[in-house]
Protein backbone atom coordinates (compact mmCIF):
# COMPACT_ATOMS: atom_id res chain seq x y z
CA MET A 1 1.41 30.13 -26.05
CA THR A 2 5.01 29.18 -26.83
CA ARG A 3 5.30 26.15 -29.08
CA LEU A 4 8.11 23.74 -29.71
CA SER A 5 9.60 23.68 -33.14
CA PRO A 6 11.42 20.71 -34.63
CA LYS A 7 14.52 22.63 -33.59
CA GLY A 8 13.46 22.37 -29.96
CA SER A 9 12.77 25.81 -28.54
CA SER A 10 11.25 26.12 -25.06
CA LEU A 11 8.03 24.21 -24.42
CA GLY A 12 4.95 25.91 -23.09
CA LEU A 13 2.22 23.30 -22.83
CA GLN A 14 -0.36 25.21 -20.79
CA GLY A 15 -3.69 24.29 -22.26
CA LEU A 16 -2.07 21.76 -24.61
CA LEU A 17 -4.12 18.56 -24.67
CA PRO A 18 -2.20 15.27 -24.44
CA LEU A 19 -2.92 14.33 -28.02
CA LEU A 20 -2.86 17.81 -29.52
CA PHE A 21 -2.49 18.00 -33.25
CA VAL A 22 -1.02 20.91 -35.11
CA SER A 23 -3.75 23.10 -36.54
CA ALA A 24 -3.39 24.15 -40.11
CA SER A 25 -3.90 27.72 -39.01
CA PHE A 26 -0.59 27.67 -37.11
CA VAL A 27 2.37 27.18 -39.37
CA LEU A 28 5.68 26.68 -37.66
CA LEU A 29 8.79 27.86 -39.46
CA ILE A 30 11.38 25.09 -39.38
CA THR A 31 15.02 25.87 -39.78
CA VAL A 32 17.87 23.41 -39.77
CA SER A 33 20.80 25.76 -39.46
CA CYS A 34 21.98 24.04 -36.27
CA SER A 35 21.55 20.51 -37.52
CA LYS A 36 24.85 18.76 -37.90
CA PRO A 37 25.93 17.77 -41.43
CA ALA A 38 26.69 14.08 -41.40
CA GLY A 39 28.03 13.66 -44.88
CA THR A 40 27.36 14.15 -48.56
CA ILE A 41 25.84 11.77 -51.09
CA GLY A 42 27.11 11.92 -54.68
CA ALA A 43 30.18 14.05 -54.03
CA ILE A 44 32.19 12.20 -56.68
CA ILE A 45 29.77 11.52 -59.50
CA ASN A 46 27.49 14.55 -59.13
CA PRO A 47 28.21 18.22 -59.68
CA ASP A 48 28.20 20.44 -56.62
CA GLU A 49 24.69 21.72 -57.19
CA SER A 50 23.20 18.19 -57.07
CA LYS A 51 24.91 16.93 -53.94
CA LEU A 52 22.53 15.53 -51.30
CA GLN A 53 23.38 16.69 -47.79
CA ILE A 54 22.81 14.25 -44.88
CA SER A 55 22.03 16.07 -41.64
CA TRP A 56 21.60 15.02 -38.05
CA THR A 57 19.55 16.58 -35.26
CA ASP A 58 18.31 15.68 -31.78
CA THR A 59 16.30 18.85 -31.16
CA THR A 60 12.98 17.82 -32.65
CA SER A 61 10.15 18.80 -30.32
CA ILE A 62 9.03 15.96 -28.08
CA TYR A 63 7.07 15.68 -24.88
CA ALA A 64 5.97 12.94 -22.51
CA TYR A 65 3.87 12.42 -19.42
CA SER A 66 2.71 9.49 -17.29
CA SER A 67 -0.71 8.24 -16.26
CA LEU A 68 -2.26 5.26 -14.54
CA ASP A 69 -2.54 2.06 -16.48
CA ASP A 70 -5.95 0.44 -16.40
CA SER A 71 -5.04 -3.19 -15.72
CA VAL A 72 -3.35 -6.15 -17.36
CA ARG A 73 -4.61 -9.60 -18.19
CA SER A 74 -3.84 -11.94 -15.30
CA ASP A 75 -5.56 -15.29 -15.85
CA ASN A 76 -3.67 -18.58 -16.17
CA LEU A 77 -0.22 -17.01 -16.10
CA SER A 78 2.95 -19.06 -16.38
CA SER A 79 3.72 -18.14 -12.76
CA ASN A 80 1.91 -16.24 -10.03
CA ILE A 81 3.19 -13.46 -7.80
CA LEU A 82 2.71 -13.07 -4.07
CA GLY A 83 4.06 -10.32 -1.84
CA SER A 84 4.22 -6.62 -1.14
CA ILE A 85 6.86 -3.98 -1.84
CA PHE A 86 7.22 -0.33 -0.93
CA ASN A 87 8.84 2.30 -3.14
CA PRO A 88 9.11 5.88 -1.81
CA ILE A 89 8.24 7.25 -5.27
CA PHE A 90 5.57 4.79 -6.40
CA GLY A 91 4.11 3.85 -3.03
CA ASN A 92 3.02 0.32 -2.24
CA THR A 93 2.34 -2.61 -4.59
CA THR A 94 0.74 -5.83 -3.35
CA ALA A 95 0.27 -8.99 -5.40
CA GLY A 96 -1.90 -12.00 -4.71
CA PHE A 97 -3.87 -14.64 -6.58
CA TYR A 98 -7.05 -16.68 -6.61
CA ASN A 99 -6.83 -20.34 -7.49
CA GLN A 100 -8.97 -23.44 -7.66
CA PHE A 101 -7.98 -26.96 -6.62
CA SER A 102 -8.52 -30.31 -8.32
CA LEU A 103 -8.84 -33.70 -6.68
CA SER A 104 -5.76 -35.94 -6.66
CA SER A 105 -8.05 -38.99 -6.88
CA PHE A 106 -11.75 -39.43 -7.43
CA GLU A 107 -14.44 -40.85 -5.16
CA HIS A 108 -12.24 -40.59 -2.12
CA SER A 109 -13.86 -41.34 1.24
CA PHE A 110 -12.62 -39.87 4.51
CA GLY A 111 -14.02 -42.86 6.41
CA ASP A 112 -16.05 -43.04 9.60
CA ASN A 113 -15.88 -40.18 12.07
CA PRO A 114 -13.09 -38.20 10.32
CA GLN A 115 -11.23 -35.79 12.58
CA LEU A 116 -9.27 -32.78 11.35
CA ASP A 117 -5.59 -32.48 12.15
CA SER A 118 -4.47 -29.62 9.90
CA VAL A 119 -4.51 -28.08 6.42
CA VAL A 120 -1.30 -26.97 4.69
CA VAL A 121 -0.82 -25.33 1.29
CA GLN A 122 2.53 -25.85 -0.39
CA LEU A 123 3.65 -23.49 -3.17
CA LEU A 124 6.69 -24.14 -5.37
CA TYR A 125 9.03 -21.16 -5.77
CA THR A 126 10.28 -20.46 -9.29
CA GLY A 127 13.50 -18.95 -7.90
CA ASN A 128 12.58 -15.44 -9.08
CA SER A 129 11.86 -12.50 -6.83
CA TYR A 130 11.89 -8.70 -6.86
CA GLY A 131 12.86 -6.62 -3.86
CA ASP A 132 14.31 -7.41 -0.44
CA THR A 133 13.50 -10.99 0.53
CA ASN A 134 14.81 -10.37 4.04
CA THR A 135 11.63 -8.44 4.80
CA GLN A 136 9.01 -10.43 6.67
CA LEU A 137 5.69 -10.78 4.86
CA LYS A 138 2.38 -11.84 6.36
CA ILE A 139 0.23 -14.02 4.13
CA HIS A 140 -3.55 -14.27 4.38
CA ALA A 141 -5.84 -16.89 2.85
CA TYR A 142 -9.57 -16.53 2.24
CA GLN A 143 -12.10 -18.95 0.81
CA VAL A 144 -13.43 -17.97 -2.62
CA GLU A 145 -17.21 -17.73 -2.74
CA GLU A 146 -17.71 -16.86 -6.40
CA ASP A 147 -17.41 -19.09 -9.44
CA MET A 148 -14.24 -18.76 -11.54
CA PHE A 149 -13.83 -20.25 -15.00
CA VAL A 150 -10.63 -21.45 -16.61
CA ASP A 151 -11.73 -20.26 -20.07
CA THR A 152 -12.66 -16.73 -18.94
CA ILE A 153 -10.40 -13.69 -19.35
CA TYR A 154 -9.62 -11.89 -16.08
CA PHE A 155 -7.70 -8.69 -15.43
CA SER A 156 -5.44 -7.69 -12.56
CA ASN A 157 -7.94 -5.30 -10.97
CA VAL A 158 -10.46 -8.12 -10.61
CA SER A 159 -12.44 -8.42 -7.40
CA ILE A 160 -13.76 -11.93 -6.75
CA GLU A 161 -15.95 -12.48 -3.73
CA THR A 162 -14.34 -14.21 -0.75
CA GLY A 163 -15.30 -15.01 2.79
CA ASP A 164 -14.13 -12.91 5.74
CA ASN A 165 -12.38 -15.74 7.60
CA ASP A 166 -8.57 -15.54 7.31
CA PHE A 167 -7.25 -19.10 7.53
CA ALA A 168 -3.54 -18.22 7.45
CA SER A 169 -2.19 -14.96 8.93
CA TYR A 170 1.21 -16.55 8.51
CA SER A 171 4.49 -14.59 8.62
CA PHE A 172 7.47 -15.64 6.53
CA ALA A 173 10.62 -14.34 4.88
CA PRO A 174 10.75 -15.60 1.28
CA ARG A 175 13.46 -18.15 0.53
CA PRO A 176 12.99 -18.70 -3.22
CA ASN A 177 16.21 -20.65 -3.69
CA ASP A 178 16.51 -22.71 -0.50
CA SER A 179 15.51 -26.36 -0.39
CA VAL A 180 13.44 -27.49 2.60
CA ILE A 181 13.02 -30.71 4.54
CA VAL A 182 9.43 -31.90 4.90
CA GLU A 183 8.66 -35.07 6.85
CA GLY A 184 12.20 -36.30 6.30
CA ASP A 185 12.27 -35.57 2.56
CA THR A 186 14.36 -32.82 0.98
CA LEU A 187 12.25 -30.78 -1.43
CA GLU A 188 12.94 -27.99 -3.86
CA ALA A 189 12.32 -24.49 -2.55
CA VAL A 190 8.70 -24.37 -1.44
CA LEU A 191 6.61 -22.20 0.83
CA ARG A 192 4.40 -24.15 3.24
CA ILE A 193 1.44 -22.19 4.58
CA PRO A 194 -0.52 -23.61 7.51
CA LEU A 195 -4.24 -22.84 7.21
CA ASN A 196 -5.08 -23.45 10.83
CA ASN A 197 -6.29 -20.06 12.06
CA SER A 198 -9.74 -21.58 12.07
CA PRO A 199 -10.92 -25.22 11.75
CA GLU A 200 -13.70 -24.07 9.43
CA LEU A 201 -11.78 -24.74 6.20
CA GLY A 202 -10.65 -28.23 7.21
CA GLU A 203 -14.12 -29.16 8.45
CA TYR A 204 -15.61 -27.93 5.17
CA LEU A 205 -13.26 -30.17 3.19
CA LEU A 206 -13.85 -33.20 5.43
CA ASN A 207 -17.62 -32.79 5.13
CA ALA A 208 -17.66 -32.66 1.34
CA PRO A 209 -20.61 -34.73 0.04
CA GLU A 210 -19.94 -37.83 -2.05
CA VAL A 211 -21.00 -36.10 -5.26
CA ALA A 212 -18.34 -33.40 -4.71
CA MET A 213 -15.65 -36.09 -4.50
CA GLU A 214 -16.71 -37.86 -7.71
CA ASN A 215 -14.62 -35.61 -9.98
CA SER A 216 -12.78 -32.29 -10.01
CA GLU A 217 -15.60 -30.43 -11.76
CA ASN A 218 -18.01 -31.29 -8.97
CA PHE A 219 -15.41 -30.50 -6.33
CA ILE A 220 -14.74 -27.03 -7.79
CA GLU A 221 -18.48 -26.35 -7.62
CA TYR A 222 -18.38 -27.28 -3.94
CA PHE A 223 -15.07 -25.64 -3.02
CA LYS A 224 -14.42 -22.66 -5.29
CA GLY A 225 -10.82 -22.07 -4.21
CA LEU A 226 -8.66 -19.79 -2.10
CA TYR A 227 -7.39 -16.23 -2.38
CA PHE A 228 -3.82 -15.66 -1.17
CA VAL A 229 -2.54 -12.16 -0.49
CA THR A 230 0.02 -10.55 1.80
CA GLY A 231 -0.42 -7.52 4.00
CA ALA A 232 1.01 -4.26 2.67
CA VAL A 233 4.49 -3.35 3.89
CA ASP A 234 5.54 0.23 4.65
CA GLU A 235 9.21 -0.30 3.84
CA GLY A 236 11.27 -2.83 1.90
CA GLY A 237 9.33 -5.92 0.97
CA SER A 238 9.43 -8.23 -2.02
CA LEU A 239 7.34 -9.84 -4.73
CA VAL A 240 7.94 -13.56 -5.09
CA TYR A 241 7.07 -15.89 -7.98
CA PHE A 242 5.47 -19.31 -7.63
CA ASP A 243 4.86 -22.11 -10.12
CA LEU A 244 1.43 -23.44 -9.26
CA ILE A 245 0.96 -26.05 -11.96
CA PRO A 246 3.43 -28.86 -11.02
CA ASN A 247 2.10 -31.32 -8.48
CA LYS A 248 4.58 -29.89 -5.97
CA SER A 249 2.16 -26.98 -5.47
CA ARG A 250 -0.82 -28.40 -3.62
CA MET A 251 -3.07 -28.33 -0.58
CA THR A 252 -2.88 -31.20 1.89
CA LEU A 253 -5.60 -32.14 4.35
CA TYR A 254 -4.23 -34.09 7.33
CA TYR A 255 -6.84 -36.09 9.26
CA SER A 256 -7.66 -39.29 11.09
CA ASN A 257 -10.76 -41.45 11.28
CA ALA A 258 -12.16 -44.29 13.37
CA GLU A 259 -9.85 -46.79 11.68
CA GLU A 260 -6.55 -44.96 11.12
CA ASP A 261 -4.40 -42.07 12.26
CA SER A 262 -2.03 -39.85 10.25
CA LEU A 263 -4.05 -39.84 7.05
CA ARG A 264 -3.85 -37.25 4.28
CA PHE A 265 -5.54 -36.23 1.08
CA GLU A 266 -4.03 -34.02 -1.63
CA TYR A 267 -5.72 -31.29 -3.65
CA LEU A 268 -3.73 -30.31 -6.73
CA ILE A 269 -3.39 -27.10 -8.70
CA THR A 270 -3.74 -28.07 -12.35
CA SER A 271 -4.06 -26.41 -15.75
CA GLY A 272 -7.72 -27.39 -15.72
CA ALA A 273 -8.38 -25.09 -12.75
CA ALA A 274 -8.59 -21.30 -12.83
CA ARG A 275 -5.71 -19.16 -11.59
CA VAL A 276 -6.14 -15.36 -11.48
CA GLY A 277 -3.58 -12.78 -10.37
CA LYS A 278 -4.65 -9.63 -8.52
CA TYR A 279 -2.41 -6.53 -8.25
CA LEU A 280 -3.07 -3.64 -5.91
CA HIS A 281 -1.25 -0.31 -6.22
CA ASN A 282 -1.54 2.22 -3.39
CA TYR A 283 -0.10 5.47 -4.68
CA ASP A 284 -1.36 7.57 -1.79
CA ASN A 285 1.98 7.12 -0.02
CA GLY A 286 4.05 7.82 -3.14
CA SER A 287 5.99 11.04 -3.69
CA PRO A 288 4.01 14.32 -4.11
CA GLU A 289 5.48 14.97 -7.59
CA PHE A 290 4.53 11.48 -8.73
CA ARG A 291 0.99 11.81 -7.42
CA GLN A 292 0.57 15.24 -8.99
CA GLN A 293 1.50 13.97 -12.44
CA VAL A 294 0.08 10.46 -12.43
CA LEU A 295 -2.98 10.78 -10.19
CA GLU A 296 -3.91 14.43 -10.66
CA GLY A 297 -3.08 14.63 -14.36
CA ASP A 298 -0.51 17.44 -14.32
CA THR A 299 1.10 16.51 -17.64
CA LEU A 300 3.42 19.53 -17.56
CA LEU A 301 5.51 17.77 -14.91
CA GLY A 302 6.56 15.32 -17.60
CA LYS A 303 9.02 17.90 -18.87
CA GLU A 304 11.21 17.21 -15.81
CA LYS A 305 10.63 13.47 -15.37
CA PHE A 306 8.09 10.80 -16.11
CA TYR A 307 7.45 7.25 -14.93
CA ILE A 308 6.66 3.70 -15.84
CA GLN A 309 5.68 0.67 -13.73
CA GLY A 310 4.68 -2.91 -14.47
CA LEU A 311 1.86 -5.06 -13.10
CA GLY A 312 -0.75 -2.72 -14.57
CA GLY A 313 0.69 0.28 -12.75
CA VAL A 314 1.84 3.27 -14.82
CA ASN A 315 2.40 3.90 -18.53
CA SER A 316 3.58 6.95 -20.46
CA THR A 317 2.45 8.84 -23.53
CA ILE A 318 5.09 10.29 -25.86
CA ASN A 319 4.29 12.69 -28.66
CA LEU A 320 6.06 14.54 -31.46
CA PRO A 321 3.61 17.45 -31.65
CA PHE A 322 5.10 19.23 -34.66
CA ILE A 323 6.70 16.39 -36.60
CA LYS A 324 4.49 16.94 -39.64
CA GLU A 325 5.86 20.45 -40.08
CA TRP A 326 9.07 18.92 -41.30
CA ARG A 327 7.16 18.79 -44.60
CA ASN A 328 7.78 22.53 -44.88
CA LEU A 329 11.43 21.75 -45.61
CA GLY A 330 10.51 19.92 -48.78
CA VAL A 331 10.97 16.23 -49.46
CA ILE A 332 12.65 14.63 -46.43
CA ALA A 333 14.08 11.13 -46.40
CA VAL A 334 14.53 9.86 -42.85
CA ASN A 335 17.64 7.69 -42.83
CA GLU A 336 17.28 6.81 -39.15
CA ALA A 337 15.13 7.97 -36.24
CA LYS A 338 15.92 6.80 -32.71
CA LEU A 339 13.90 7.54 -29.60
CA VAL A 340 16.31 7.73 -26.64
CA LEU A 341 14.94 7.49 -23.08
CA THR A 342 17.46 7.94 -20.27
CA GLY A 343 16.84 7.23 -16.61
CA LEU A 344 17.00 9.79 -13.84
CA GLU A 345 18.76 7.23 -11.63
CA GLU A 346 19.31 3.49 -11.54
CA PRO A 347 16.47 1.66 -9.76
CA GLU A 348 17.34 0.00 -6.46
CA TYR A 349 16.01 -3.41 -7.47
CA GLY A 350 16.83 -3.29 -11.17
CA ALA A 351 15.33 -1.74 -14.28
CA PRO A 352 12.76 -3.38 -16.56
CA VAL A 353 14.58 -5.70 -18.94
CA GLN A 354 12.58 -4.45 -21.91
CA LEU A 355 9.99 -1.78 -22.64
CA ALA A 356 7.15 -1.91 -25.15
CA LEU A 357 6.32 0.97 -27.50
CA PHE A 358 3.08 1.12 -29.45
CA GLU A 359 1.32 3.63 -31.64
CA LEU A 360 -1.84 5.11 -30.13
CA THR A 361 -5.00 4.90 -32.23
CA GLU A 362 -7.98 7.19 -32.55
CA ASP A 363 -10.00 5.23 -30.01
CA GLY A 364 -7.15 5.20 -27.47
CA GLY A 365 -6.06 1.67 -28.34
CA ARG A 366 -2.58 0.47 -29.22
CA ALA A 367 -1.28 -0.65 -32.60
CA LEU A 368 2.03 -2.20 -33.59
CA LEU A 369 4.59 0.23 -34.95
CA PRO A 370 5.73 -0.61 -38.49
CA ASP A 371 9.37 -0.74 -37.34
CA ILE A 372 8.69 -3.84 -35.24
CA ILE A 373 8.52 -5.94 -38.40
CA GLU A 374 12.27 -5.40 -38.80
CA GLY A 375 12.83 -7.51 -35.67
CA GLU A 376 13.55 -6.83 -32.02
CA ASN A 377 17.26 -6.26 -32.55
CA TYR A 378 16.41 -3.45 -34.95
CA PHE A 379 13.47 -2.05 -33.01
CA GLY A 380 15.21 -2.09 -29.61
CA GLY A 381 13.64 -1.26 -26.27
CA TYR A 382 16.14 -3.21 -24.15
CA TYR A 383 17.78 -1.75 -21.08
CA GLU A 384 21.38 -0.55 -21.51
CA SER A 385 23.00 -0.56 -18.07
CA SER A 386 26.08 1.39 -19.24
CA THR A 387 23.93 4.42 -20.09
CA ASN A 388 20.90 3.67 -17.90
CA SER A 389 18.75 4.09 -20.99
CA TYR A 390 16.45 2.55 -23.58
CA THR A 391 16.52 3.19 -27.33
CA PHE A 392 13.84 2.47 -29.93
CA ARG A 393 14.44 2.75 -33.66
CA ILE A 394 11.25 4.23 -35.18
CA THR A 395 12.47 5.32 -38.63
CA ILE A 396 9.53 3.97 -40.62
CA TYR A 397 6.99 5.48 -38.22
CA VAL A 398 8.58 8.94 -38.33
CA GLN A 399 8.94 8.86 -42.12
CA ASP A 400 5.25 7.99 -42.44
CA LEU A 401 4.24 10.87 -40.16
CA ILE A 402 6.25 13.31 -42.25
CA SER A 403 5.43 12.01 -45.73
CA ASN A 404 1.83 10.83 -45.40
CA SER A 405 -0.53 13.80 -45.18
CA ASP A 406 -3.39 11.46 -44.23
CA LYS A 407 -1.49 9.95 -41.32
CA VAL A 408 -2.85 11.31 -38.02
CA ASN A 409 -0.40 11.68 -35.13
CA TYR A 410 -2.03 10.28 -32.00
CA GLY A 411 1.27 9.70 -30.20
CA LEU A 412 3.04 6.70 -28.71
CA SER A 413 2.33 4.53 -25.68
CA LEU A 414 5.23 3.30 -23.56
CA TYR A 415 4.96 0.63 -20.90
CA VAL A 416 6.88 -2.23 -19.31
CA ASN A 417 7.07 -5.27 -21.57
CA ASN A 418 5.15 -8.32 -20.27
CA PRO A 419 3.45 -6.10 -17.65
CA TRP A 420 1.38 -9.01 -16.30
CA LEU A 421 4.53 -10.50 -14.72
CA ALA A 422 7.11 -7.66 -14.72
CA PRO A 423 6.87 -5.53 -11.55
CA GLN A 424 9.79 -3.15 -12.20
CA SER A 425 9.46 0.61 -12.22
CA PHE A 426 11.60 3.29 -13.84
CA ILE A 427 11.94 7.09 -13.76
CA PHE A 428 12.95 8.87 -16.98
CA ASN A 429 14.45 12.28 -17.54
CA GLY A 430 11.89 14.47 -19.27
CA TYR A 431 12.35 16.72 -22.26
CA GLN A 432 13.41 19.64 -20.03
CA PRO A 433 15.07 18.07 -16.95
CA VAL A 434 16.05 20.30 -14.06
CA SER A 435 19.67 19.19 -14.03
CA ASP A 436 21.88 20.59 -16.80
CA THR A 437 23.87 17.35 -16.80
CA ALA A 438 20.85 15.06 -17.24
CA VAL A 439 20.41 13.40 -20.61
CA ARG A 440 17.00 14.56 -21.74
CA LEU A 441 14.34 12.67 -23.67
CA LYS A 442 15.14 13.09 -27.35
CA LEU A 443 14.49 11.95 -30.89
CA GLN A 444 17.71 11.56 -32.85
CA MET A 445 17.19 11.97 -36.59
CA LEU A 446 19.56 11.34 -39.48
CA TYR A 447 17.88 12.65 -42.62
CA THR A 448 18.41 13.78 -46.19
CA LYS A 449 16.74 16.76 -47.81
CA LEU A 450 15.94 15.59 -51.34
CA ASN A 451 14.87 18.96 -52.75
């Protein structure tokens, strides 16, 4: 098997496990003849034989591959996402949410012989969206039939029981920045969803027993909430953000009774009620190369390109398989180590604003890298549009791997920052991209050999 040296010879990873560690029985000879001298320390005050040479290299062995993320935490988020988007590489992503409703007033009575007119849910846009908002989406609404709890942790792959009756089946093109006129009043941008496919929901609300209307806790026991989701699109599409907490996001029951017409009662979405996001990724209609690497586990394809996607979609593992063999050079002081990740192409709907990089632990968990304590400006991870790239400064981490014989190299985990609300995806050049002009994945090291 051909192995990569810190100088970066060809990579043969057949049979190489993702978190392979260098066996003591295989000693790799490291040479630095092609590293670039960057300067000399002590040229004035020291004799020639004691000068310290600073060298630079970007050929240290490195590899990466992508795999499915498990899920992300999605309860009680600052905003909730609704919609569906199609990407020819990543396939289809659909976002929806479950939410409970609180009473706008307690001990309300619907009067004698109440008659249903309609039920409408109003959701306040935040103004943010991802994708093509000109694409029509069809929203569906189902009654929740399982208890949810505001103090419980939920994840984006959650499956909460709902009824089969779709109360909406409502088509719309998102308008996240357009004000609307409702009953003669001009409102901020809101989406109004009629829930009139069936009278069952309205009748259920009108027939709530007195005890259910005494307070919101009792009402939530009676009416456990709604699940909103859109149908999957096969081209275009968008993911749209809503702010559910202000009293401008609500459900309104329109009704009449024996005494009056044109009555209404409001059900609010409050911080005291549970809100849970649900994200669905269908990779079956993604590209064959993507599926082979991410779904089928062909990590060798990471040498050409690898992937990342938010909303609990895809993360990447990056490793420096032979970094500890730099010890064979003697005492190495790492002046600076930068991980540079360059994109294959600019994403159609924009790149992730920031990526997160963590150290993998023995149990597969994630730990903060020591470089993060120097601050985000030092650590990096922000998108640079001029180079279509991301850069992390990981000097302390690399120095520790080289100098600390007890430090085990489990690799790094890369994913979209704030993945519970960031839907963006990105394709990186691998460590051996097909195109000769592509900027490959690399670790840039400025170092000093001390002896």
